[in-house]
Protein backbone atom coordinates (compact mmCIF):
# COMPACT_ATOMS: atom_id res chain seq x y z
CA MET A 1 96.97 105.30 94.41
CA ARG A 2 98.55 107.29 97.24
CA LEU A 3 102.19 108.18 97.72
CA LYS A 4 103.95 106.23 100.47
CA LYS A 5 104.92 107.83 103.78
CA GLU A 6 108.56 106.79 103.59
CA LEU A 7 110.53 109.88 104.68
CA SER A 8 111.85 110.28 108.20
CA GLY A 9 112.61 113.45 110.11
CA LEU A 10 116.27 113.20 109.08
CA ASP A 11 115.27 112.81 105.43
CA ALA A 12 113.02 115.90 105.64
CA PHE A 13 115.80 117.88 107.33
CA CYS A 14 118.28 116.90 104.63
CA VAL A 15 115.88 117.75 101.79
CA ALA A 16 115.40 121.24 103.23
CA SER A 17 119.06 121.79 104.07
CA GLY A 18 120.45 120.32 100.86
CA ALA A 19 118.12 122.46 98.77
CA MET A 20 119.55 125.61 100.39
CA ILE A 21 123.27 124.95 100.49
CA SER A 22 124.49 125.44 96.91
CA SER A 23 125.24 128.61 94.98
CA GLY A 24 123.94 130.73 97.87
CA LEU A 25 126.97 129.68 99.89
CA PHE A 26 129.57 128.42 97.44
CA VAL A 27 129.22 131.13 94.72
CA LEU A 28 127.21 134.12 95.96
CA PRO A 29 129.54 135.49 98.72
CA GLY A 30 132.15 136.59 96.18
CA ILE A 31 129.62 138.35 93.97
CA LEU A 32 127.96 140.07 96.94
CA PHE A 33 131.29 141.15 98.48
CA ALA A 34 131.92 143.25 95.39
CA LYS A 35 128.55 144.98 95.99
CA SER A 36 128.56 145.55 99.75
CA GLY A 37 131.93 144.56 101.22
CA PRO A 38 132.33 142.77 104.59
CA SER A 39 128.76 143.70 105.56
CA ILE A 40 127.54 140.69 103.57
CA VAL A 41 127.71 138.83 106.92
CA VAL A 42 124.82 141.01 108.08
CA ALA A 43 123.08 140.52 104.72
CA TYR A 44 123.02 136.73 105.21
CA LEU A 45 121.59 137.13 108.72
CA LEU A 46 119.02 139.68 107.52
CA ALA A 47 117.94 137.35 104.71
CA GLY A 48 117.28 134.68 107.31
CA VAL A 49 115.05 137.09 109.21
CA LEU A 50 113.19 137.93 106.00
CA VAL A 51 112.43 134.28 105.30
CA LEU A 52 111.07 133.61 108.81
CA PRO A 53 107.47 134.71 108.05
CA SER A 54 107.31 132.33 105.09
CA LEU A 55 108.91 129.59 107.15
CA PHE A 56 106.21 129.97 109.82
CA SER A 57 103.43 130.27 107.23
CA LYS A 58 104.52 127.19 105.30
CA ALA A 59 104.99 125.22 108.50
CA GLU A 60 101.42 126.06 109.48
CA LEU A 61 99.96 125.27 106.06
CA SER A 62 101.99 122.05 105.77
CA THR A 63 100.69 120.71 109.07
CA ALA A 64 97.09 121.55 108.13
CA MET A 65 97.41 120.27 104.54
CA PRO A 66 100.32 117.82 104.30
CA LYS A 67 99.76 117.11 100.60
CA ALA A 68 102.04 116.70 97.59
CA GLY A 69 102.51 119.94 95.73
CA GLY A 70 103.28 122.22 98.67
CA ASP A 71 102.94 125.85 97.49
CA TYR A 72 100.54 124.88 94.71
CA PHE A 73 98.18 123.01 97.02
CA PHE A 74 98.17 125.79 99.63
CA ILE A 75 97.53 128.54 97.09
CA GLU A 76 94.89 126.60 95.13
CA ARG A 77 92.88 125.61 98.19
CA SER A 78 93.06 129.09 99.69
CA LEU A 79 92.78 131.41 96.67
CA GLY A 80 91.19 129.23 93.99
CA GLY A 81 92.04 127.54 90.71
CA ALA A 82 93.33 130.58 88.81
CA PHE A 83 95.88 131.50 91.48
CA GLY A 84 96.59 127.81 92.00
CA THR A 85 97.49 127.34 88.33
CA ILE A 86 99.76 130.37 88.37
CA GLY A 87 101.33 129.34 91.68
CA GLY A 88 101.74 125.72 90.64
CA MET A 89 103.39 126.52 87.34
CA ALA A 90 105.64 129.09 89.04
CA ALA A 91 106.63 126.67 91.82
CA TRP A 92 107.45 123.92 89.36
CA LEU A 93 109.36 126.16 86.95
CA SER A 94 111.36 127.92 89.67
CA LEU A 95 112.36 124.63 91.31
CA ALA A 96 113.26 123.00 88.01
CA LEU A 97 115.25 125.98 86.73
CA LYS A 98 117.13 126.42 90.00
CA SER A 99 117.98 122.71 90.07
CA ALA A 100 119.18 122.78 86.46
CA PHE A 101 121.24 125.87 87.21
CA ALA A 102 122.77 124.13 90.24
CA LEU A 103 123.87 121.15 88.17
CA VAL A 104 125.46 123.40 85.55
CA GLY A 105 127.02 125.40 88.40
CA MET A 106 129.09 122.34 89.28
CA GLY A 107 131.20 123.28 86.26
CA SER A 108 133.00 126.10 88.06
CA PHE A 109 134.26 123.60 90.63
CA ALA A 110 134.80 120.68 88.27
CA ILE A 111 137.21 122.90 86.36
CA LEU A 112 139.19 123.46 89.55
CA LEU A 113 139.79 119.71 89.77
CA ARG A 114 140.16 119.12 86.02
CA PRO A 115 141.09 122.35 84.19
CA GLU A 116 140.80 120.60 80.81
CA VAL A 117 137.02 120.11 81.24
CA THR A 118 135.08 121.97 78.52
CA GLY A 119 131.70 123.68 78.64
CA ILE A 120 130.13 120.89 76.57
CA GLN A 121 131.47 118.28 78.97
CA ILE A 122 130.07 120.20 81.95
CA LYS A 123 126.62 120.21 80.34
CA LEU A 124 126.88 116.51 79.55
CA LEU A 125 127.88 115.80 83.16
CA ALA A 126 124.88 117.82 84.40
CA ILE A 127 122.55 115.89 82.10
CA ALA A 128 124.02 112.61 83.31
CA PHE A 129 123.32 113.59 86.92
CA CYS A 130 119.76 114.51 85.90
CA LEU A 131 119.26 111.00 84.58
CA VAL A 132 120.79 109.43 87.70
CA PHE A 133 118.48 111.48 89.95
CA MET A 134 115.54 110.53 87.77
CA VAL A 135 116.23 106.82 88.29
CA VAL A 136 116.74 107.32 92.04
CA ASN A 137 113.46 109.24 92.33
CA LEU A 138 111.55 106.73 90.22
CA ARG A 139 112.43 104.01 92.72
CA GLY A 140 110.74 105.92 95.55
CA ALA A 141 111.02 108.88 97.88
CA LYS A 142 112.77 106.61 100.38
CA HIS A 143 115.70 105.99 97.98
CA ALA A 144 115.86 109.66 96.99
CA GLY A 145 115.77 110.62 100.67
CA ARG A 146 118.58 108.23 101.56
CA PHE A 147 120.69 109.53 98.69
CA GLN A 148 120.00 113.11 99.83
CA THR A 149 120.76 112.31 103.46
CA GLY A 150 124.17 110.83 102.70
CA ILE A 151 125.23 113.77 100.54
CA VAL A 152 123.92 116.46 102.91
CA LEU A 153 125.48 114.97 106.04
CA ALA A 154 128.86 114.80 104.26
CA LEU A 155 128.34 118.41 103.09
CA LEU A 156 127.54 119.65 106.59
CA VAL A 157 130.61 117.94 107.99
CA ALA A 158 132.75 119.69 105.34
CA ILE A 159 131.29 123.12 106.17
CA VAL A 160 131.81 122.57 109.91
CA PHE A 161 135.43 121.61 109.14
CA TYR A 162 135.77 124.79 107.09
CA VAL A 163 134.48 126.99 109.93
CA ILE A 164 136.50 125.31 112.70
CA LYS A 165 139.69 125.32 110.66
CA GLY A 166 139.21 128.85 109.31
CA LEU A 167 138.03 130.86 112.31
CA PRO A 168 141.51 131.00 113.97
CA SER A 169 142.85 132.52 110.74
CA VAL A 170 140.33 135.36 110.61
CA GLN A 171 141.95 138.80 110.54
CA VAL A 172 139.72 141.54 112.05
CA GLU A 173 141.24 144.28 109.89
CA ARG A 174 139.70 142.67 106.80
CA TYR A 175 136.30 143.90 108.08
CA SER A 176 137.22 147.57 107.79
CA PRO A 177 135.52 149.46 106.28
CA PHE A 178 132.52 147.26 107.17
CA ALA A 179 129.93 148.80 104.83
CA PRO A 180 131.83 150.74 102.15
CA HIS A 181 128.75 151.09 99.93
CA GLY A 182 126.28 152.07 102.64
CA SER A 183 123.32 150.35 104.30
CA GLY A 184 121.37 150.30 101.02
CA ALA A 185 123.85 147.79 99.62
CA ILE A 186 123.28 145.53 102.65
CA PHE A 187 119.53 145.38 102.00
CA ALA A 188 120.08 144.83 98.26
CA SER A 189 122.44 141.93 99.05
CA ALA A 190 119.95 140.51 101.55
CA GLY A 191 117.36 140.44 98.77
CA LEU A 192 119.65 138.27 96.66
CA VAL A 193 120.58 135.99 99.54
CA PHE A 194 116.88 135.66 100.49
CA VAL A 195 116.25 133.63 97.34
CA ALA A 196 119.02 131.24 98.40
CA TYR A 197 116.88 130.38 101.43
CA GLY A 198 114.02 129.37 99.14
CA GLY A 199 114.98 125.70 99.27
CA LEU A 200 114.25 125.66 103.00
CA THR A 201 110.57 125.08 102.38
CA LYS A 202 110.91 122.47 99.61
CA VAL A 203 110.02 119.86 102.20
CA ALA A 204 106.44 121.25 102.09
CA SER A 205 106.11 119.76 98.57
CA ILE A 206 106.78 116.26 99.88
CA ALA A 207 104.90 116.56 103.19
CA GLU A 208 102.48 113.84 102.08
CA GLU A 209 105.39 111.37 102.01
CA VAL A 210 106.74 112.30 105.46
CA ARG A 211 105.87 110.15 108.45
CA GLU A 212 104.00 112.10 111.15
CA PRO A 213 103.94 115.29 109.04
CA GLY A 214 102.10 117.29 111.69
CA ARG A 215 105.16 117.00 113.94
CA ILE A 216 108.09 116.31 111.64
CA VAL A 217 107.59 118.87 108.85
CA PRO A 218 107.71 122.03 111.03
CA LEU A 219 110.46 120.51 113.16
CA ALA A 220 112.57 119.74 110.06
CA MET A 221 112.02 123.26 108.71
CA MET A 222 112.95 124.95 112.00
CA LEU A 223 115.99 122.78 112.59
CA SER A 224 117.17 123.22 109.03
CA PHE A 225 116.71 126.98 109.25
CA GLY A 226 118.71 127.16 112.49
CA VAL A 227 121.55 124.94 111.28
CA VAL A 228 121.88 126.41 107.80
CA THR A 229 121.57 130.05 108.91
CA THR A 230 124.26 129.50 111.52
CA LEU A 231 126.56 127.82 108.97
CA TYR A 232 125.83 130.51 106.38
CA VAL A 233 126.81 133.32 108.73
CA LEU A 234 129.86 131.56 110.18
CA ALA A 235 131.13 130.39 106.79
CA VAL A 236 130.72 133.84 105.22
CA PHE A 237 132.34 135.47 108.28
CA THR A 238 135.26 133.06 107.92
CA THR A 239 135.58 133.68 104.20
CA VAL A 240 135.60 137.48 104.50
CA GLY A 241 138.17 137.35 107.29
CA THR A 242 140.65 134.95 105.72
CA ILE A 243 141.29 136.15 102.14
CA ASP A 244 142.06 139.53 100.65
CA GLY A 245 139.07 141.54 99.46
CA THR A 246 140.54 141.94 95.96
CA VAL A 247 140.60 138.14 95.63
CA LEU A 248 137.14 137.64 97.13
CA ALA A 249 135.36 140.34 95.11
CA GLY A 250 133.72 138.68 92.14
CA SER A 251 135.17 135.22 92.88
CA ARG A 252 132.93 132.36 91.72
CA THR A 253 134.65 129.92 94.13
CA PRO A 254 135.05 132.00 97.34
CA LEU A 255 135.00 129.21 99.94
CA THR A 256 137.44 127.12 97.94
CA ASN A 257 139.78 130.14 97.61
CA ALA A 258 139.58 130.77 101.36
CA ALA A 259 140.09 127.09 102.25
CA GLN A 260 143.23 126.99 100.11
CA ALA A 261 144.52 130.08 101.92
CA PHE A 262 144.19 128.69 105.46
CA ALA A 263 144.23 124.90 104.92
CA GLY A 264 146.34 124.43 101.83
CA ALA A 265 145.74 121.69 99.24
CA PRO A 266 143.61 119.47 101.56
CA GLY A 267 141.29 122.40 102.28
CA PHE A 268 141.06 123.23 98.60
CA LEU A 269 140.12 119.63 97.74
CA ILE A 270 137.61 119.22 100.58
CA MET A 271 135.71 122.42 99.78
CA THR A 272 135.74 121.80 96.03
CA VAL A 273 134.22 118.35 96.53
CA ALA A 274 131.80 119.81 99.11
CA ALA A 275 130.65 122.41 96.57
CA ILE A 276 130.03 119.69 93.99
CA PHE A 277 128.07 117.72 96.60
CA ALA A 278 126.04 120.84 97.37
CA PHE A 279 125.01 121.27 93.74
CA ILE A 280 124.24 117.56 93.45
CA SER A 281 122.01 117.67 96.53
CA THR A 282 120.15 120.69 95.13
CA GLY A 283 119.58 118.89 91.85
CA ASN A 284 118.26 115.75 93.56
CA ALA A 285 116.05 117.68 95.97
CA GLY A 286 114.78 119.73 93.00
CA ILE A 287 113.54 116.69 91.09
CA LEU A 288 112.07 115.17 94.26
CA SER A 289 110.17 118.33 95.16
CA ALA A 290 109.35 119.82 91.75
CA SER A 291 107.82 116.62 90.35
CA ARG A 292 105.13 116.62 93.07
CA THR A 293 103.65 119.89 91.84
CA PRO A 294 102.57 118.79 88.32
CA MET A 295 101.35 115.51 89.81
CA ALA A 296 99.11 117.38 92.29
CA MET A 297 97.89 119.78 89.56
CA ALA A 298 96.99 116.90 87.25
CA GLN A 299 95.11 115.12 90.02
CA ASP A 300 93.10 118.32 90.49
CA GLY A 301 92.30 118.54 86.78
CA LEU A 302 94.55 121.53 86.10
CA LEU A 303 96.91 119.49 83.88
CA PRO A 304 96.28 116.44 81.70
CA ALA A 305 95.38 113.41 83.84
CA PRO A 306 98.36 111.18 82.81
CA VAL A 307 100.77 113.63 84.49
CA GLY A 308 99.20 112.73 87.83
CA ALA A 309 99.74 108.99 87.45
CA VAL A 310 101.39 107.16 90.36
CA ASN A 311 103.50 104.06 89.65
CA LYS A 312 101.89 100.94 91.13
CA LYS A 313 105.16 99.25 92.04
CA PHE A 314 107.15 102.13 93.55
CA CYS A 315 104.27 104.53 94.43
CA THR A 316 106.08 107.42 92.73
CA PRO A 317 104.69 110.05 90.30
CA HIS A 318 106.68 108.59 87.40
CA VAL A 319 105.19 110.71 84.60
CA ALA A 320 105.73 113.94 86.55
CA ILE A 321 109.33 112.86 87.26
CA PHE A 322 109.89 112.20 83.54
CA VAL A 323 108.41 115.59 82.63
CA THR A 324 110.49 117.46 85.22
CA THR A 325 113.71 115.68 84.27
CA GLY A 326 113.06 116.22 80.56
CA PHE A 327 112.51 119.94 81.08
CA MET A 328 115.73 120.25 83.11
CA ILE A 329 117.71 118.44 80.42
CA VAL A 330 116.34 120.77 77.72
CA VAL A 331 117.25 123.95 79.61
CA ILE A 332 120.70 122.58 80.52
CA ALA A 333 121.43 121.65 76.91
CA ALA A 334 119.88 124.50 74.96
CA LEU A 335 119.24 127.62 77.02
CA ASP A 336 121.14 130.38 78.77
CA LEU A 337 119.97 130.00 82.35
CA GLU A 338 121.10 133.37 83.75
CA GLN A 339 118.00 135.47 82.92
CA LEU A 340 115.66 132.51 83.40
CA VAL A 341 117.04 131.91 86.90
CA LYS A 342 116.55 135.59 87.75
CA ALA A 343 112.95 135.20 86.64
CA ALA A 344 112.67 132.04 88.71
CA SER A 345 113.93 134.00 91.72
CA THR A 346 111.23 136.62 91.14
CA MET A 347 108.61 133.84 90.96
CA LYS A 348 109.93 132.37 94.20
CA ILE A 349 109.49 135.70 96.01
CA ILE A 350 105.96 136.02 94.61
CA LEU A 351 105.21 132.49 95.80
CA PHE A 352 106.42 133.41 99.28
CA LEU A 353 104.11 136.42 99.16
CA LEU A 354 101.13 134.28 98.11
CA VAL A 355 101.80 131.71 100.84
CA ASN A 356 101.54 134.45 103.46
CA VAL A 357 98.29 135.61 101.87
CA ALA A 358 97.10 131.97 101.97
CA VAL A 359 97.59 131.76 105.73
CA ILE A 360 95.52 134.92 106.25
CA VAL A 361 92.73 133.64 104.01
CA MET A 362 92.69 130.19 105.62
CA ARG A 363 92.58 131.63 109.14
CA GLU A 364 89.98 134.30 108.40
CA SER A 365 87.73 131.88 106.49
CA ARG A 366 87.31 130.03 109.82
CA ILE A 367 86.94 126.66 108.13
CA GLN A 368 86.33 124.06 110.83
CA SER A 369 88.59 121.48 109.15
CA TYR A 370 91.58 123.85 108.99
CA ARG A 371 93.48 122.51 111.99
CA PRO A 372 97.24 122.96 111.77
CA THR A 373 99.33 121.42 114.52
CA PHE A 374 101.68 124.42 114.27
CA ARG A 375 100.39 127.99 114.20
CA SER A 376 102.44 130.93 112.99
CA PRO A 377 103.32 133.33 115.82
CA LEU A 378 102.50 137.07 115.65
CA TYR A 379 99.61 136.47 113.25
CA PRO A 380 98.60 138.44 111.18
CA TRP A 381 101.21 141.16 111.60
CA LEU A 382 104.10 138.93 110.62
CA GLN A 383 102.32 137.92 107.40
CA ILE A 384 101.33 141.51 106.56
CA ALA A 385 104.91 142.72 107.08
CA ALA A 386 106.19 139.87 104.90
CA ILE A 387 103.76 140.67 102.06
CA ALA A 388 104.94 144.30 102.07
CA CYS A 389 108.65 143.35 102.15
CA TYR A 390 108.32 140.71 99.42
CA GLY A 391 106.39 143.13 97.23
CA TYR A 392 109.28 145.56 97.54
CA LEU A 393 111.85 142.84 96.74
CA VAL A 394 109.94 141.83 93.60
CA PHE A 395 110.30 145.29 92.10
CA ARG A 396 113.98 145.36 93.00
CA MET A 397 114.67 142.28 90.84
CA GLY A 398 114.88 144.33 87.63
CA MET A 399 112.73 144.89 84.54
CA VAL A 400 113.74 141.82 82.51
CA PRO A 401 112.86 139.24 85.20
CA LEU A 402 109.61 141.12 85.87
CA VAL A 403 108.64 141.04 82.19
CA ILE A 404 109.48 137.33 81.90
CA THR A 405 107.54 136.60 85.09
CA ALA A 406 104.52 138.64 83.96
CA ALA A 407 104.48 136.84 80.60
CA PHE A 408 104.70 133.49 82.35
CA PHE A 409 101.86 134.32 84.72
CA GLY A 410 99.77 135.56 81.81
CA GLY A 411 100.38 132.29 79.95
CA SER A 412 99.46 130.28 83.06
CA LEU A 413 96.22 132.21 83.42
CA LEU A 414 95.35 131.61 79.76
CA TRP A 415 95.99 127.89 80.27
CA TYR A 416 93.65 127.88 83.26
CA VAL A 417 90.88 129.65 81.35
CA ALA A 418 91.27 127.53 78.20
CA TYR A 419 91.79 124.12 79.79
CA SER A 420 91.46 123.97 83.52
CA GLY A 421 88.73 126.50 84.27
CA ILE A 422 86.02 124.51 82.59
CA HIS A 423 86.83 121.46 84.74
CA GLU A 424 87.62 123.14 88.04
CA ASN A 425 84.76 123.09 90.53
CA ARG A 426 86.44 123.11 93.95
CA GLU A 427 85.56 125.68 96.52
CA SER A 428 88.45 127.73 97.89
CA ALA A 429 88.89 129.23 101.35
CA LEU A 430 88.49 132.64 99.71
CA ILE A 431 84.87 131.73 98.95
CA HIS A 432 84.40 130.81 102.61
CA LEU A 433 85.85 134.19 103.58
CA VAL A 434 83.46 136.00 101.21
CA ARG A 435 80.58 133.98 102.68
CA ARG A 436 81.57 134.95 106.20
CA VAL A 437 82.00 138.67 105.39
CA THR A 438 78.81 138.98 103.36
CA SER A 439 76.78 136.51 105.45
CA LYS A 440 75.62 134.88 102.23
CA ASP A 441 75.06 131.20 101.55
CA LEU A 442 77.24 130.45 98.52
CA GLY A 443 76.55 126.73 98.32
CA VAL A 444 77.60 123.48 99.93
CA SER A 445 81.24 123.36 101.07
CA THR A 446 83.56 120.79 99.58
CA LEU A 447 86.79 122.19 101.04
CA ASP A 448 85.73 121.40 104.61
CA SER A 449 85.19 117.75 103.68
CA GLU A 450 88.48 117.54 101.79
CA LEU A 451 90.46 119.01 104.67
CA ARG A 452 88.70 116.62 107.03
CA GLU A 453 89.92 113.66 104.95
CA ILE A 454 93.43 115.13 104.91
CA LEU A 455 93.39 115.37 108.71
CA LYS A 456 92.31 111.73 108.97
CA GLU A 457 95.28 110.71 106.86
CA ARG A 458 97.64 113.04 108.73
CA ASP A 459 96.65 111.71 112.14
CA ASP A 460 96.16 108.08 111.02
CA ILE A 461 92.56 108.14 112.17
CA VAL A 462 90.58 104.96 111.56
CA GLU A 463 86.88 105.81 111.60
CA ASP A 464 84.67 103.87 113.99
CA ARG A 465 80.93 103.27 114.18
CA PHE A 466 80.25 106.61 115.84
CA ASP A 467 81.92 108.43 112.91
CA GLY A 468 79.61 106.55 110.57
CA LEU A 469 76.57 107.60 112.61
CA VAL A 470 77.64 111.24 112.51
CA LYS A 471 78.32 111.17 108.77
CA ASN A 472 74.81 109.94 108.00
CA CYS A 473 72.72 111.50 110.77
CA THR A 474 70.08 114.19 110.48
CA ILE A 475 71.22 117.64 111.65
CA LEU A 476 68.76 120.30 112.75
CA ASP A 477 69.62 123.99 112.96
CA VAL A 478 66.71 125.36 115.00
CA HIS A 479 65.91 129.07 114.62
CA GLY A 480 64.28 130.84 117.51
CA SER A 481 63.79 129.68 121.08
CA GLU A 482 61.29 126.89 121.76
CA SER A 483 60.04 124.75 124.63
CA VAL A 484 61.24 121.22 125.19
CA ASP A 485 57.72 119.96 124.43
CA ALA A 486 57.65 121.60 121.00
CA PHE A 487 61.17 120.35 120.41
CA PHE A 488 60.24 116.75 121.26
CA LYS A 489 57.26 116.91 118.90
CA ARG A 490 59.65 118.01 116.14
CA LEU A 491 62.00 115.13 116.99
CA GLY A 492 59.10 112.66 117.01
CA LYS A 493 58.28 113.47 113.40
CA ILE A 494 61.90 113.20 112.28
CA LEU A 495 62.81 110.02 114.14
CA GLY A 496 59.45 108.42 113.44
CA SER A 497 60.10 108.86 109.72
CA GLU A 498 63.64 107.47 110.01
CA ILE A 499 62.82 104.32 111.96
CA GLY A 500 59.27 103.70 110.71
CA MET A 501 57.56 104.41 114.03
CA ASP A 502 54.53 106.43 115.01
CA PRO A 503 55.77 110.02 115.70
CA ASP A 504 53.46 110.32 118.70
CA HIS A 505 54.98 107.17 120.23
CA VAL A 506 58.49 108.57 119.81
CA TYR A 507 57.31 111.82 121.38
CA ASP A 508 55.87 109.93 124.34
CA LEU A 509 59.14 108.03 124.84
CA LEU A 510 61.13 111.28 124.88
CA VAL A 511 58.70 112.94 127.31
CA ASP A 512 58.70 109.92 129.66
CA ARG A 513 62.50 109.78 129.67
CA GLU A 514 62.75 113.49 130.43
CA ALA A 515 60.25 113.10 133.29
CA GLU A 516 62.52 110.54 134.99
CA SER A 517 65.41 113.00 135.14
CA THR A 518 66.40 115.88 132.91
CA THR A 519 68.74 115.07 130.03
CA ALA A 520 70.18 118.60 130.12
CA LEU A 521 73.47 117.46 131.60
CA ARG A 522 75.23 120.79 131.85
CA PRO A 523 74.53 124.41 130.83
CA GLY A 524 74.02 124.48 127.06
CA LEU A 525 74.11 120.69 126.48
CA ALA A 526 71.44 117.98 126.52
CA ILE A 527 71.51 114.31 125.47
CA PRO A 528 67.94 112.94 125.25
CA HIS A 529 68.16 109.17 124.82
CA VAL A 530 65.46 106.50 124.68
CA VAL A 531 65.18 102.75 124.14
CA ILE A 532 62.81 101.30 121.51
CA ASP A 533 61.61 97.84 120.59
CA GLY A 534 63.31 95.90 117.81
CA GLU A 535 66.85 94.74 117.01
CA HIS A 536 70.00 96.40 115.70
CA GLU A 537 68.45 99.86 115.74
CA PHE A 538 70.60 102.87 116.67
CA HIS A 539 70.12 106.44 115.47
CA LEU A 540 71.64 109.83 116.16
CA VAL A 541 70.30 113.35 115.59
CA LEU A 542 72.39 116.49 116.09
CA VAL A 543 70.66 119.75 116.96
CA ARG A 544 71.91 123.33 117.29
CA SER A 545 69.67 126.09 118.68
CA ARG A 546 71.31 129.50 118.81
CA ASP A 547 68.45 131.00 120.85
CA GLY A 548 68.16 127.92 123.04
CA ILE A 549 65.70 125.16 123.87
CA ILE A 550 64.08 125.51 127.30
CA PHE A 551 64.22 122.16 129.12
CA GLY A 552 62.92 123.55 132.40
CA PRO A 553 62.26 126.74 134.34
CA ASP A 554 65.52 126.41 136.29
CA THR A 555 67.63 125.08 133.41
CA PRO A 556 69.73 127.40 131.26
CA PRO A 557 68.82 127.40 127.54
CA VAL A 558 70.28 124.39 125.70
CA HIS A 559 72.16 125.11 122.47
CA ALA A 560 73.66 121.68 121.65
CA VAL A 561 71.56 118.52 121.63
CA PHE A 562 72.69 114.97 120.86
CA VAL A 563 69.64 112.71 120.49
CA LEU A 564 70.19 108.95 120.82
CA ILE A 565 67.55 106.29 120.12
CA GLY A 566 68.34 102.57 120.01
CA SER A 567 66.98 99.08 120.58
CA ARG A 568 67.65 97.07 123.75
CA ASP A 569 70.30 94.86 122.14
CA GLU A 570 72.35 98.04 121.49
CA ARG A 571 72.50 98.95 125.19
CA ASN A 572 76.28 98.52 125.39
CA TYR A 573 76.84 100.68 122.35
CA HIS A 574 74.40 103.21 123.81
CA LEU A 575 76.82 103.65 126.71
CA ARG A 576 79.80 103.96 124.35
CA ALA A 577 78.00 106.62 122.33
CA LEU A 578 77.34 108.57 125.53
CA MET A 579 81.03 108.33 126.36
CA HIS A 580 82.02 109.64 122.91
CA ILE A 581 79.62 112.57 123.24
CA ALA A 582 80.98 113.40 126.69
CA GLN A 583 84.55 113.49 125.28
CA ILE A 584 83.45 115.71 122.40
CA ALA A 585 81.51 118.17 124.57
CA HIS A 586 84.38 118.30 127.09
CA ASP A 587 86.56 120.20 124.58
CA ARG A 588 86.99 123.70 126.00
CA ASP A 589 86.27 125.26 122.58
CA PHE A 590 83.26 123.05 121.80
CA ASP A 591 80.55 125.56 122.75
CA HIS A 592 82.22 128.38 120.84
CA LYS A 593 82.70 126.27 117.71
CA TRP A 594 79.14 124.93 117.91
CA MET A 595 77.62 128.40 118.08
CA ALA A 596 79.94 129.82 115.39
CA ALA A 597 79.30 127.05 112.82
CA ARG A 598 77.70 128.39 109.65
CA GLY A 599 75.44 125.44 108.88
CA PRO A 600 74.72 121.71 109.27
CA GLU A 601 77.89 120.50 107.53
CA GLU A 602 80.11 122.58 109.76
CA LEU A 603 78.26 121.19 112.78
CA ARG A 604 78.90 117.67 111.44
CA ASN A 605 82.60 118.42 110.98
CA ILE A 606 82.90 119.78 114.52
CA VAL A 607 81.82 116.38 115.85
CA LEU A 608 83.85 114.36 113.33
CA LEU A 609 87.06 116.33 114.02
CA SER A 610 86.76 116.44 117.80
CA GLU A 611 89.45 114.62 119.75
CA ARG A 612 88.17 111.43 121.34
CA ARG A 613 89.19 107.83 121.88
CA ARG A 614 87.90 105.84 118.94
CA ASP A 615 86.62 102.29 119.27
CA PRO A 616 89.03 99.62 117.97
CA ALA A 617 88.17 98.12 114.59
CA SER A 618 85.97 95.07 114.95
């Protein structure tokens, strides 16, 4: 059973935005101010620049493969099952840990409202919210999206209020000295802020449930990035300029402290409630996004099958939601999250790195069915620069997170070898890339066909009769140049066998039709078509000749041939088939794709994925 496409563009925007605006804005500025002073404003802007390559890469991958699981699906289909298992486990763990940490983080602000609240009560409140989000998510992405939308819109209004109210109170002298600890501290702070932007791409995990994902997912990501980055920079600028540095340095509630300074008790209350809303939205978005990863892994055979179950009534991955919620409750109740969250941040950076690698592999594999509606600009230099920067950031995270991350990745790899590897038989884009580089035939492609089905779902394509003909037709890949006569003799044998007719008679029909007027309609393309006796007969043969078939002394060599043969009662459909072929061959890239295809199945996919007007369902 498939997940429902219930999320709108606003829902997608709010999932991305709500996943970002939490500790990165309401807690981190105070901690970073102690490290780099007023220059943290630049650090927030620089972090936004650093996340742009991953934003573009994920937008491209999401529009080509709008499937549940996001990072996991991209990495598995591009780099294979081993990397997919590591990436999937890392994506799920980092999302779940960050969401659990966000819910516990509410405690710092709950204490501001109710000083008598204890640590145990904070954990119980966080667990209660986990259970509430679980119920909301079990009822469907639509309900979770509505819940998220309401919270995030209220949160954005509060931050806009904070900026508008606080900017007039900014004192320029608070920005001097601007970078007391040097430029190195700015880059170090940017590395920490960068992780706060990680929620921006959570919407990729739920792309399968977004309506019109090819258009809405990248738009939601870009809009969210623009809005949140602007609010990040303005809010941090306001905070630094309105309260004394000695108060800000190390504060765990910096925006609330600043709001109290320039807006009194109302400002204090609004920003405290806004902070709680921010953590709630992160927790809800975390369960919504994280649960899709184990579901997708289970459906691919990398986790036990029950984890991939989809509820028949609500069309939600109920088992994966239970597993994710249960894990979050355990870590909230029993574990110290600080070091685990640092490890999760390291995993997030590694995931960003792998996503940029995935784009390079998918592009360079030249898979016909990889057709994103958004393409990353400045490819591949943007991705290469990102991989280098993220690699540097990983080693700046510290030894303990690196050791925890390495141990986790090692455990994931062992799981793959012991459980998943024996079941996994999908072909990755990396195999396609190896095939292209080595010019070796490594077997029949399954990834092309899978991506083709994903595109059908993405674009709401309902297959018509012509699609059925193409799926089942014979495809010839002719080597060496040959005359039209020799070619027609070859076709006579093939079509004669298919329709139970004397090959010589088929040959004669083809020759007679060609004598009336050439079927080479334009340079490189021919559509031989004949009428036969009988009823309800219609057949198609696709032919590619790299060296060319010579239809006549004055006709350029033909490289693409569509052969049609049908009975008289199919005359109307004969005309429709000719129209479909004309639309396909009219594509400006058709000839290039046809000649570059690596075999019959790629030729078939070129025709199936070409843009054309499909016949209405009968």
